[in-house]
N, C-alpha and C. Protein backbone atom coordinates (compact mmCIF):
# COMPACT_ATOMS: atom_id res chain seq x y z
N MET A 1 24.80 -29.98 -24.60
CA MET A 1 25.98 -29.11 -24.79
C MET A 1 26.83 -29.64 -23.46
N PHE A 2 28.05 -30.00 -23.90
CA PHE A 2 29.20 -30.08 -22.79
C PHE A 2 29.50 -28.82 -22.49
N THR A 3 30.06 -28.89 -21.23
CA THR A 3 30.90 -27.81 -20.92
C THR A 3 32.33 -27.64 -20.91
N THR A 4 32.88 -28.29 -21.97
CA THR A 4 33.96 -28.39 -22.00
C THR A 4 34.60 -27.04 -22.73
N ALA A 5 35.85 -26.69 -22.68
CA ALA A 5 36.67 -25.65 -23.19
C ALA A 5 36.23 -25.23 -24.66
N ALA A 6 36.18 -25.92 -25.47
CA ALA A 6 36.02 -25.95 -27.12
C ALA A 6 34.47 -25.58 -27.08
N GLN A 7 33.30 -26.05 -26.37
CA GLN A 7 32.17 -25.93 -26.38
C GLN A 7 31.92 -24.67 -25.82
N LEU A 8 32.33 -24.23 -24.69
CA LEU A 8 32.37 -22.82 -24.11
C LEU A 8 32.65 -21.60 -25.04
N LEU A 9 34.08 -22.15 -25.72
CA LEU A 9 34.48 -20.89 -26.33
C LEU A 9 33.53 -20.72 -27.30
N ASP A 10 32.91 -21.86 -28.08
CA ASP A 10 31.83 -21.26 -29.31
C ASP A 10 30.58 -20.52 -28.62
N LEU A 11 30.52 -20.81 -27.34
CA LEU A 11 29.23 -20.24 -26.84
C LEU A 11 29.49 -18.85 -26.12
N THR A 12 30.86 -18.27 -26.22
CA THR A 12 31.31 -17.07 -25.55
C THR A 12 30.15 -15.86 -26.62
N ASP A 13 30.21 -15.07 -25.56
CA ASP A 13 29.03 -13.65 -26.36
C ASP A 13 28.15 -14.06 -26.99
N LYS A 14 27.27 -15.16 -26.66
CA LYS A 14 26.08 -15.54 -27.25
C LYS A 14 24.95 -15.84 -26.09
N LYS A 15 23.70 -15.56 -26.41
CA LYS A 15 22.69 -15.65 -25.52
C LYS A 15 22.39 -17.14 -25.23
N LEU A 16 22.41 -17.39 -23.73
CA LEU A 16 22.13 -18.86 -23.38
C LEU A 16 21.14 -18.92 -22.27
N VAL A 17 20.47 -20.31 -22.29
CA VAL A 17 19.58 -20.53 -21.41
C VAL A 17 20.30 -21.39 -20.40
N LEU A 18 19.97 -21.32 -19.11
CA LEU A 18 20.84 -22.23 -18.20
C LEU A 18 19.72 -22.56 -17.21
N VAL A 19 19.45 -24.12 -16.70
CA VAL A 19 18.83 -24.56 -16.03
C VAL A 19 19.69 -25.12 -14.74
N LEU A 20 19.47 -24.67 -13.45
CA LEU A 20 20.49 -24.95 -12.33
C LEU A 20 19.60 -26.09 -11.64
N ARG A 21 20.67 -26.79 -10.73
CA ARG A 21 20.16 -27.89 -10.28
C ARG A 21 18.93 -27.66 -9.41
N ASP A 22 18.88 -26.50 -8.67
CA ASP A 22 17.83 -26.03 -8.16
C ASP A 22 16.30 -25.74 -8.55
N GLY A 23 16.45 -25.75 -10.08
CA GLY A 23 15.29 -25.58 -10.75
C GLY A 23 15.38 -24.04 -11.24
N ARG A 24 15.93 -23.19 -10.95
CA ARG A 24 16.04 -21.89 -11.58
C ARG A 24 16.55 -21.77 -12.96
N LYS A 25 15.85 -21.09 -13.50
CA LYS A 25 15.81 -21.11 -15.25
C LYS A 25 16.48 -19.40 -15.37
N LEU A 26 17.74 -19.46 -15.98
CA LEU A 26 18.13 -18.08 -16.27
C LEU A 26 18.71 -18.03 -17.35
N VAL A 27 18.65 -16.84 -18.40
CA VAL A 27 18.67 -16.35 -19.50
C VAL A 27 19.64 -15.31 -19.46
N GLY A 28 20.77 -15.26 -20.44
CA GLY A 28 21.91 -14.39 -20.16
C GLY A 28 22.85 -14.56 -21.25
N ILE A 29 23.75 -13.34 -21.26
CA ILE A 29 24.80 -13.61 -22.73
C ILE A 29 26.29 -14.07 -21.80
N LEU A 30 26.78 -15.26 -22.37
CA LEU A 30 27.94 -15.67 -21.63
C LEU A 30 28.83 -14.78 -22.14
N ARG A 31 29.72 -13.95 -21.03
CA ARG A 31 30.98 -13.24 -21.10
C ARG A 31 32.36 -13.96 -20.66
N SER A 32 32.18 -14.96 -19.48
CA SER A 32 33.30 -15.32 -19.31
C SER A 32 32.89 -16.66 -18.74
N TRP A 33 34.21 -17.46 -18.54
CA TRP A 33 34.10 -18.83 -17.96
C TRP A 33 35.58 -19.23 -17.51
N ASP A 34 35.67 -20.33 -16.89
CA ASP A 34 36.96 -20.72 -16.43
C ASP A 34 37.10 -22.37 -16.54
N GLN A 35 38.14 -23.28 -16.10
CA GLN A 35 38.39 -24.69 -16.27
C GLN A 35 37.23 -25.50 -15.43
N PHE A 36 36.44 -25.04 -14.60
CA PHE A 36 35.55 -25.36 -13.78
C PHE A 36 34.38 -25.46 -14.20
N ALA A 37 34.28 -24.53 -15.63
CA ALA A 37 32.84 -24.30 -16.18
C ALA A 37 31.82 -23.49 -15.17
N ASN A 38 32.63 -22.68 -14.24
CA ASN A 38 31.83 -21.48 -13.78
C ASN A 38 31.66 -20.46 -14.76
N LEU A 39 30.51 -19.84 -14.83
CA LEU A 39 30.15 -19.08 -15.88
C LEU A 39 29.98 -17.86 -15.54
N VAL A 40 29.85 -16.55 -16.21
CA VAL A 40 29.80 -15.45 -15.95
C VAL A 40 28.76 -14.95 -16.92
N LEU A 41 27.33 -14.51 -16.57
CA LEU A 41 26.41 -14.05 -17.53
C LEU A 41 26.33 -12.56 -17.42
N GLN A 42 25.87 -11.98 -18.47
CA GLN A 42 25.68 -10.30 -18.52
C GLN A 42 24.17 -10.32 -19.16
N ASP A 43 23.66 -9.47 -18.25
CA ASP A 43 21.93 -8.76 -18.70
C ASP A 43 21.16 -10.16 -18.20
N THR A 44 21.70 -11.00 -17.27
CA THR A 44 20.77 -12.16 -17.09
C THR A 44 19.34 -11.69 -16.42
N VAL A 45 18.32 -12.88 -16.88
CA VAL A 45 17.09 -12.76 -16.50
C VAL A 45 16.77 -13.87 -15.96
N GLU A 46 16.18 -14.22 -14.75
CA GLU A 46 15.66 -15.20 -13.93
C GLU A 46 14.24 -15.47 -14.37
N LYS A 47 13.76 -16.44 -14.71
CA LYS A 47 12.48 -16.67 -15.44
C LYS A 47 11.89 -18.03 -14.30
N VAL A 48 10.42 -17.73 -14.05
CA VAL A 48 9.79 -18.80 -13.15
C VAL A 48 8.49 -18.89 -13.97
N TYR A 49 8.26 -20.37 -14.07
CA TYR A 49 6.95 -20.92 -14.91
C TYR A 49 5.94 -21.66 -13.68
N ALA A 50 4.88 -21.16 -13.54
CA ALA A 50 4.06 -21.82 -12.74
C ALA A 50 2.52 -22.10 -13.28
N GLY A 51 1.86 -23.19 -13.62
CA GLY A 51 0.54 -23.05 -13.97
C GLY A 51 0.82 -22.63 -15.47
N ASN A 52 -0.13 -21.52 -15.74
CA ASN A 52 -0.05 -20.99 -16.97
C ASN A 52 0.67 -19.41 -17.09
N LEU A 53 1.25 -19.29 -15.95
CA LEU A 53 1.99 -18.01 -15.60
C LEU A 53 3.44 -18.02 -15.61
N PHE A 54 4.01 -17.04 -16.14
CA PHE A 54 5.30 -16.53 -15.83
C PHE A 54 5.54 -15.42 -15.57
N ALA A 55 6.96 -15.12 -14.93
CA ALA A 55 7.44 -14.17 -14.27
C ALA A 55 8.94 -13.82 -14.66
N GLU A 56 9.58 -12.85 -14.93
CA GLU A 56 10.94 -12.34 -14.97
C GLU A 56 11.15 -11.60 -14.29
N GLN A 57 12.65 -11.53 -13.73
CA GLN A 57 13.09 -10.51 -12.88
C GLN A 57 14.66 -10.40 -13.47
N LYS A 58 15.10 -9.10 -13.51
CA LYS A 58 16.25 -9.09 -14.05
C LYS A 58 17.69 -9.17 -12.94
N ARG A 59 18.51 -9.50 -13.07
CA ARG A 59 19.53 -10.38 -12.33
C ARG A 59 20.90 -9.31 -12.57
N GLY A 60 21.42 -8.87 -13.70
CA GLY A 60 22.17 -8.19 -14.22
C GLY A 60 23.56 -9.34 -14.49
N ILE A 61 24.48 -8.74 -13.87
CA ILE A 61 25.61 -9.75 -13.85
C ILE A 61 25.39 -11.06 -12.91
N TYR A 62 25.72 -12.10 -13.33
CA TYR A 62 25.41 -13.30 -12.60
C TYR A 62 26.65 -14.35 -12.82
N ILE A 63 27.22 -14.78 -11.58
CA ILE A 63 28.15 -15.84 -11.55
C ILE A 63 27.73 -17.21 -11.10
N VAL A 64 27.65 -18.40 -11.96
CA VAL A 64 26.91 -19.70 -11.72
C VAL A 64 28.15 -20.50 -11.42
N ARG A 65 28.27 -21.40 -10.36
CA ARG A 65 29.19 -22.12 -10.13
C ARG A 65 28.93 -23.61 -11.25
N GLY A 66 29.82 -23.83 -11.90
CA GLY A 66 29.79 -24.87 -12.82
C GLY A 66 29.03 -26.16 -12.52
N GLU A 67 29.17 -26.70 -11.07
CA GLU A 67 28.64 -27.95 -10.80
C GLU A 67 27.01 -27.74 -10.78
N ASN A 68 26.77 -26.64 -10.63
CA ASN A 68 25.14 -26.41 -10.43
C ASN A 68 24.64 -26.10 -11.74
N VAL A 69 25.17 -26.30 -12.92
CA VAL A 69 24.39 -26.36 -14.21
C VAL A 69 23.72 -27.77 -14.69
N LEU A 70 22.72 -27.57 -14.57
CA LEU A 70 22.16 -28.94 -15.14
C LEU A 70 21.86 -29.14 -16.69
N LEU A 71 21.44 -27.90 -17.41
CA LEU A 71 21.46 -27.84 -18.58
C LEU A 71 21.85 -26.58 -19.02
N LEU A 72 22.33 -26.31 -20.64
CA LEU A 72 23.12 -25.20 -20.95
C LEU A 72 22.78 -25.58 -22.49
N GLY A 73 22.14 -24.37 -22.98
CA GLY A 73 22.00 -24.41 -24.25
C GLY A 73 21.69 -22.77 -24.96
N GLU A 74 22.25 -22.76 -26.15
CA GLU A 74 22.36 -21.34 -26.95
C GLU A 74 20.87 -21.24 -27.50
N ILE A 75 20.40 -20.02 -27.37
CA ILE A 75 19.17 -19.54 -28.02
C ILE A 75 19.60 -19.00 -29.49
N VAL A 76 18.70 -19.72 -30.28
CA VAL A 76 18.70 -19.25 -31.64
C VAL A 76 17.53 -19.25 -31.94
N ARG A 77 17.20 -17.82 -32.73
CA ARG A 77 16.28 -17.75 -33.68
C ARG A 77 15.93 -18.05 -34.94
N PHE A 78 14.78 -18.87 -35.23
CA PHE A 78 14.75 -19.28 -36.69
C PHE A 78 13.45 -18.39 -37.56
N THR A 79 13.94 -18.21 -38.80
CA THR A 79 12.94 -17.69 -39.52
C THR A 79 12.40 -18.41 -40.65
N LEU A 80 11.26 -18.14 -41.08
CA LEU A 80 10.94 -18.98 -42.18
C LEU A 80 10.84 -18.41 -43.50
N HIS A 81 11.40 -18.67 -44.55
CA HIS A 81 11.53 -17.90 -45.83
C HIS A 81 10.79 -18.70 -47.03
N PRO A 82 9.64 -18.17 -47.56
CA PRO A 82 9.33 -19.02 -48.51
C PRO A 82 9.68 -19.13 -49.57
N LEU A 83 9.55 -20.46 -50.22
CA LEU A 83 10.49 -21.00 -51.47
C LEU A 83 9.15 -21.07 -52.48
N PRO A 84 9.49 -20.56 -54.00
CA PRO A 84 8.72 -20.71 -54.79
C PRO A 84 8.81 -22.30 -55.10
N ILE A 85 7.70 -22.98 -55.30
CA ILE A 85 7.29 -24.39 -55.07
C ILE A 85 7.79 -24.82 -56.46
N THR A 86 8.59 -25.58 -57.07
CA THR A 86 8.91 -26.05 -58.15
C THR A 86 8.40 -27.35 -58.59
N THR A 87 8.50 -28.06 -57.55
CA THR A 87 7.86 -29.59 -57.84
C THR A 87 7.23 -29.81 -56.48
N ARG A 88 6.41 -31.08 -56.36
CA ARG A 88 5.85 -31.31 -55.32
C ARG A 88 6.71 -31.86 -54.25
N TYR A 89 7.65 -32.18 -54.14
CA TYR A 89 8.66 -32.60 -53.54
C TYR A 89 9.54 -31.67 -52.56
N LEU A 90 9.57 -30.45 -53.03
CA LEU A 90 10.40 -29.55 -52.19
C LEU A 90 9.55 -29.20 -51.19
N PRO A 91 10.01 -28.82 -49.78
CA PRO A 91 9.28 -28.04 -48.92
C PRO A 91 8.64 -26.64 -49.29
N ALA A 92 7.83 -26.37 -48.86
CA ALA A 92 7.38 -25.14 -49.10
C ALA A 92 7.96 -23.96 -48.43
N MET A 93 8.30 -24.50 -47.30
CA MET A 93 9.21 -23.48 -46.44
C MET A 93 10.95 -23.77 -46.05
N LEU A 94 11.63 -22.76 -46.05
CA LEU A 94 13.07 -23.21 -45.58
C LEU A 94 13.13 -22.48 -44.34
N ILE A 95 13.58 -23.31 -43.30
CA ILE A 95 14.16 -22.74 -42.16
C ILE A 95 15.53 -22.26 -41.99
N SER A 96 15.78 -21.25 -41.58
CA SER A 96 17.14 -20.91 -41.34
C SER A 96 17.33 -20.17 -39.97
N PRO A 97 18.77 -20.05 -39.61
CA PRO A 97 18.53 -19.55 -38.09
C PRO A 97 19.25 -18.08 -38.59
N CYS A 98 18.76 -17.06 -37.80
CA CYS A 98 18.65 -15.71 -37.70
C CYS A 98 20.54 -14.87 -37.33
N GLU A 99 20.64 -14.00 -37.69
CA GLU A 99 21.81 -13.29 -36.81
C GLU A 99 21.02 -13.37 -35.52
N GLN A 100 22.01 -13.41 -34.58
CA GLN A 100 21.56 -13.14 -33.08
C GLN A 100 21.63 -11.86 -32.84
N ASP A 101 20.64 -11.10 -32.64
CA ASP A 101 20.51 -9.40 -31.94
C ASP A 101 20.19 -10.05 -30.49
N LEU A 102 21.50 -9.38 -29.78
CA LEU A 102 21.81 -9.49 -28.46
C LEU A 102 20.69 -8.44 -27.40
N ASP A 103 20.56 -7.40 -28.26
CA ASP A 103 19.48 -6.58 -27.68
C ASP A 103 18.13 -6.56 -27.63
N LYS A 104 17.73 -7.77 -28.66
CA LYS A 104 16.31 -8.01 -29.02
C LYS A 104 15.73 -8.75 -27.53
N GLU A 105 14.63 -8.17 -27.20
CA GLU A 105 14.15 -9.07 -26.29
C GLU A 105 13.23 -10.39 -26.70
N ASP A 106 13.49 -11.27 -25.80
CA ASP A 106 12.82 -12.58 -25.98
C ASP A 106 11.24 -12.37 -26.22
N GLU A 107 10.67 -13.41 -27.25
CA GLU A 107 9.26 -13.52 -27.34
C GLU A 107 8.69 -14.10 -26.16
N LEU A 108 7.71 -13.45 -26.01
CA LEU A 108 6.93 -14.18 -24.77
C LEU A 108 6.50 -15.62 -25.06
N PRO A 109 6.76 -16.47 -24.00
CA PRO A 109 6.34 -17.93 -24.11
C PRO A 109 4.84 -18.18 -24.71
N PRO A 110 4.59 -19.01 -25.53
CA PRO A 110 3.10 -19.26 -25.91
C PRO A 110 2.45 -20.09 -24.59
N ASN A 111 1.11 -19.48 -24.79
CA ASN A 111 0.39 -20.39 -23.87
C ASN A 111 0.41 -19.92 -22.30
N TYR A 112 1.30 -19.07 -22.26
CA TYR A 112 1.79 -18.25 -20.73
C TYR A 112 1.11 -16.98 -20.48
N GLN A 113 0.73 -16.50 -19.51
CA GLN A 113 0.36 -15.31 -19.20
C GLN A 113 1.37 -14.52 -18.39
N PRO A 114 1.51 -13.48 -18.57
CA PRO A 114 2.63 -12.66 -17.53
C PRO A 114 1.97 -12.34 -16.34
N GLY A 115 2.66 -12.63 -15.06
CA GLY A 115 2.20 -12.41 -13.85
C GLY A 115 3.24 -11.60 -12.83
N GLU A 116 3.01 -11.18 -11.59
CA GLU A 116 3.65 -10.65 -10.82
C GLU A 116 4.64 -11.69 -10.28
N TRP A 117 5.96 -11.25 -9.95
CA TRP A 117 7.06 -12.22 -9.66
C TRP A 117 6.86 -12.71 -8.36
N GLU A 118 6.32 -12.21 -7.34
CA GLU A 118 6.09 -12.66 -5.89
C GLU A 118 5.05 -13.81 -6.26
N HIS A 119 3.90 -13.39 -6.77
CA HIS A 119 2.72 -14.19 -6.92
C HIS A 119 3.34 -15.82 -7.80
N VAL A 120 3.90 -15.52 -8.83
CA VAL A 120 4.33 -16.67 -9.70
C VAL A 120 4.90 -17.56 -8.66
N CYS A 121 6.10 -16.76 -7.89
CA CYS A 121 6.93 -17.63 -6.96
C CYS A 121 6.31 -18.27 -6.29
N ALA A 122 5.34 -17.87 -5.35
CA ALA A 122 4.46 -18.46 -4.40
C ALA A 122 3.86 -19.66 -5.29
N LEU A 123 3.06 -19.54 -6.35
CA LEU A 123 2.52 -20.98 -7.03
C LEU A 123 3.56 -21.94 -7.35
N LYS A 124 4.87 -21.21 -7.73
CA LYS A 124 6.12 -22.44 -8.18
C LYS A 124 6.12 -23.46 -7.02
N GLU A 125 6.16 -22.72 -5.56
CA GLU A 125 7.03 -23.35 -4.28
C GLU A 125 5.62 -24.01 -4.23
N ALA A 126 4.17 -23.87 -4.39
CA ALA A 126 3.33 -24.93 -3.92
C ALA A 126 3.40 -25.82 -4.90
N GLU A 127 3.78 -25.90 -6.20
CA GLU A 127 3.61 -26.85 -7.27
C GLU A 127 5.04 -27.76 -6.80
N ASP A 128 5.85 -27.13 -6.14
CA ASP A 128 7.06 -27.94 -6.08
C ASP A 128 6.94 -28.70 -4.76
N ALA A 129 6.53 -28.31 -3.95
CA ALA A 129 6.04 -28.87 -2.55
C ALA A 129 4.89 -30.20 -2.96
N GLU A 130 3.91 -29.85 -3.87
CA GLU A 130 3.16 -30.79 -4.36
C GLU A 130 3.87 -32.15 -4.75
N ARG A 131 4.40 -31.64 -5.79
CA ARG A 131 5.58 -32.60 -6.29
C ARG A 131 6.21 -33.25 -5.66
N LYS A 132 6.93 -32.84 -4.61
CA LYS A 132 7.95 -33.57 -3.92
C LYS A 132 7.16 -34.36 -3.01
N LYS A 133 5.81 -34.10 -2.42
CA LYS A 133 4.85 -34.91 -1.89
C LYS A 133 4.54 -36.06 -2.52
N LEU A 134 3.95 -35.92 -3.80
CA LEU A 134 3.75 -37.18 -4.79
C LEU A 134 4.99 -38.08 -4.67
N ASN A 135 6.04 -37.51 -5.09
CA ASN A 135 7.55 -38.23 -5.03
C ASN A 135 7.45 -39.07 -3.98
N ASN A 136 7.57 -38.42 -2.78
CA ASN A 136 7.54 -39.26 -1.53
C ASN A 136 6.76 -40.30 -1.37
N ASN A 137 5.44 -40.24 -1.57
CA ASN A 137 4.29 -40.98 -1.62
C ASN A 137 4.95 -42.44 -2.84
N ARG A 138 5.00 -41.80 -3.97
CA ARG A 138 5.71 -43.08 -4.96
C ARG A 138 6.94 -43.61 -4.33
N GLY A 139 7.81 -43.00 -3.60
CA GLY A 139 8.82 -43.68 -3.12
C GLY A 139 8.53 -44.78 -2.36
N LYS A 140 7.53 -44.22 -1.06
CA LYS A 140 7.35 -45.15 -0.32
C LYS A 140 6.87 -46.33 -0.73
N GLN A 141 5.98 -46.18 -1.75
CA GLN A 141 4.92 -47.32 -2.25
C GLN A 141 6.18 -48.33 -2.95
N LEU A 142 6.96 -47.76 -3.72
CA LEU A 142 8.13 -48.51 -4.52
C LEU A 142 8.83 -49.12 -3.46
N HIS A 143 9.34 -48.70 -2.26
CA HIS A 143 10.10 -49.22 -1.42
C HIS A 143 9.28 -50.38 -0.57
N THR A 144 8.05 -50.42 -0.59
CA THR A 144 7.30 -51.57 -0.03
C THR A 144 7.51 -52.72 -0.93
N LEU A 145 7.45 -52.49 -2.35
CA LEU A 145 7.68 -53.42 -3.43
C LEU A 145 9.13 -53.93 -3.74
N GLY A 146 10.05 -53.02 -2.84
CA GLY A 146 11.38 -53.73 -2.91
C GLY A 146 12.21 -52.90 -3.67
N PHE A 147 11.75 -51.50 -4.04
CA PHE A 147 12.66 -50.75 -5.00
C PHE A 147 13.16 -49.52 -4.29
N GLU A 148 14.48 -49.45 -4.55
CA GLU A 148 15.10 -48.31 -3.83
C GLU A 148 15.24 -46.86 -4.82
N ALA A 149 14.86 -45.75 -4.16
CA ALA A 149 15.01 -44.63 -4.86
C ALA A 149 16.60 -44.14 -5.21
N GLU A 150 16.55 -43.95 -6.48
CA GLU A 150 18.11 -43.47 -6.91
C GLU A 150 18.40 -42.10 -6.51
N HIS A 151 17.65 -41.35 -6.23
CA HIS A 151 18.06 -40.13 -5.77
C HIS A 151 17.18 -39.42 -4.51
N SER A 152 17.50 -38.46 -3.89
CA SER A 152 16.75 -38.17 -2.71
C SER A 152 15.66 -37.28 -3.33
N GLY A 153 15.46 -36.84 -4.50
CA GLY A 153 14.35 -35.78 -5.03
C GLY A 153 14.93 -34.24 -5.04
N GLU A 154 16.25 -34.30 -4.77
CA GLU A 154 16.76 -32.80 -4.67
C GLU A 154 16.67 -32.15 -6.21
N ALA A 155 17.24 -32.80 -7.25
CA ALA A 155 16.93 -32.14 -8.37
C ALA A 155 15.60 -31.91 -8.97
N LEU A 156 15.32 -30.40 -8.96
CA LEU A 156 14.09 -30.29 -9.53
C LEU A 156 14.16 -30.22 -11.05
N PHE A 157 13.63 -30.56 -12.00
CA PHE A 157 13.74 -30.41 -13.63
C PHE A 157 12.55 -29.43 -13.79
């Protein structure tokens, strides 16, 4: 999804997920934006995932600087509508998008258990430190073979 004016206009007043350059994940309703793709989110929730745990913290109104947005996407729910099977070549189910209910809570992520914010954040920091250590070791090994890293590992996905 591009952050052009036309795209942001289509996403205004819709629920979005944002991943920032520092790895934070935000879910909120896009209420306003400007020519630099600075975004204003309402009813924002920050989500953290570590191992098989996740935690959420309400952030309320959130202003995001446009250059910090790594990923931006609309949250769309889908429902399955059973169809009568008239021929064997027709699919048994038809998938269609639902009307977006902005007040409806998001479903819990599959295979994740809810945890306490501080505990999950500590686990996430430990995972990030381990990942950074492994990336540094890999970079050193590649450097001895003549390769140069393209980035300094600042962007955490």
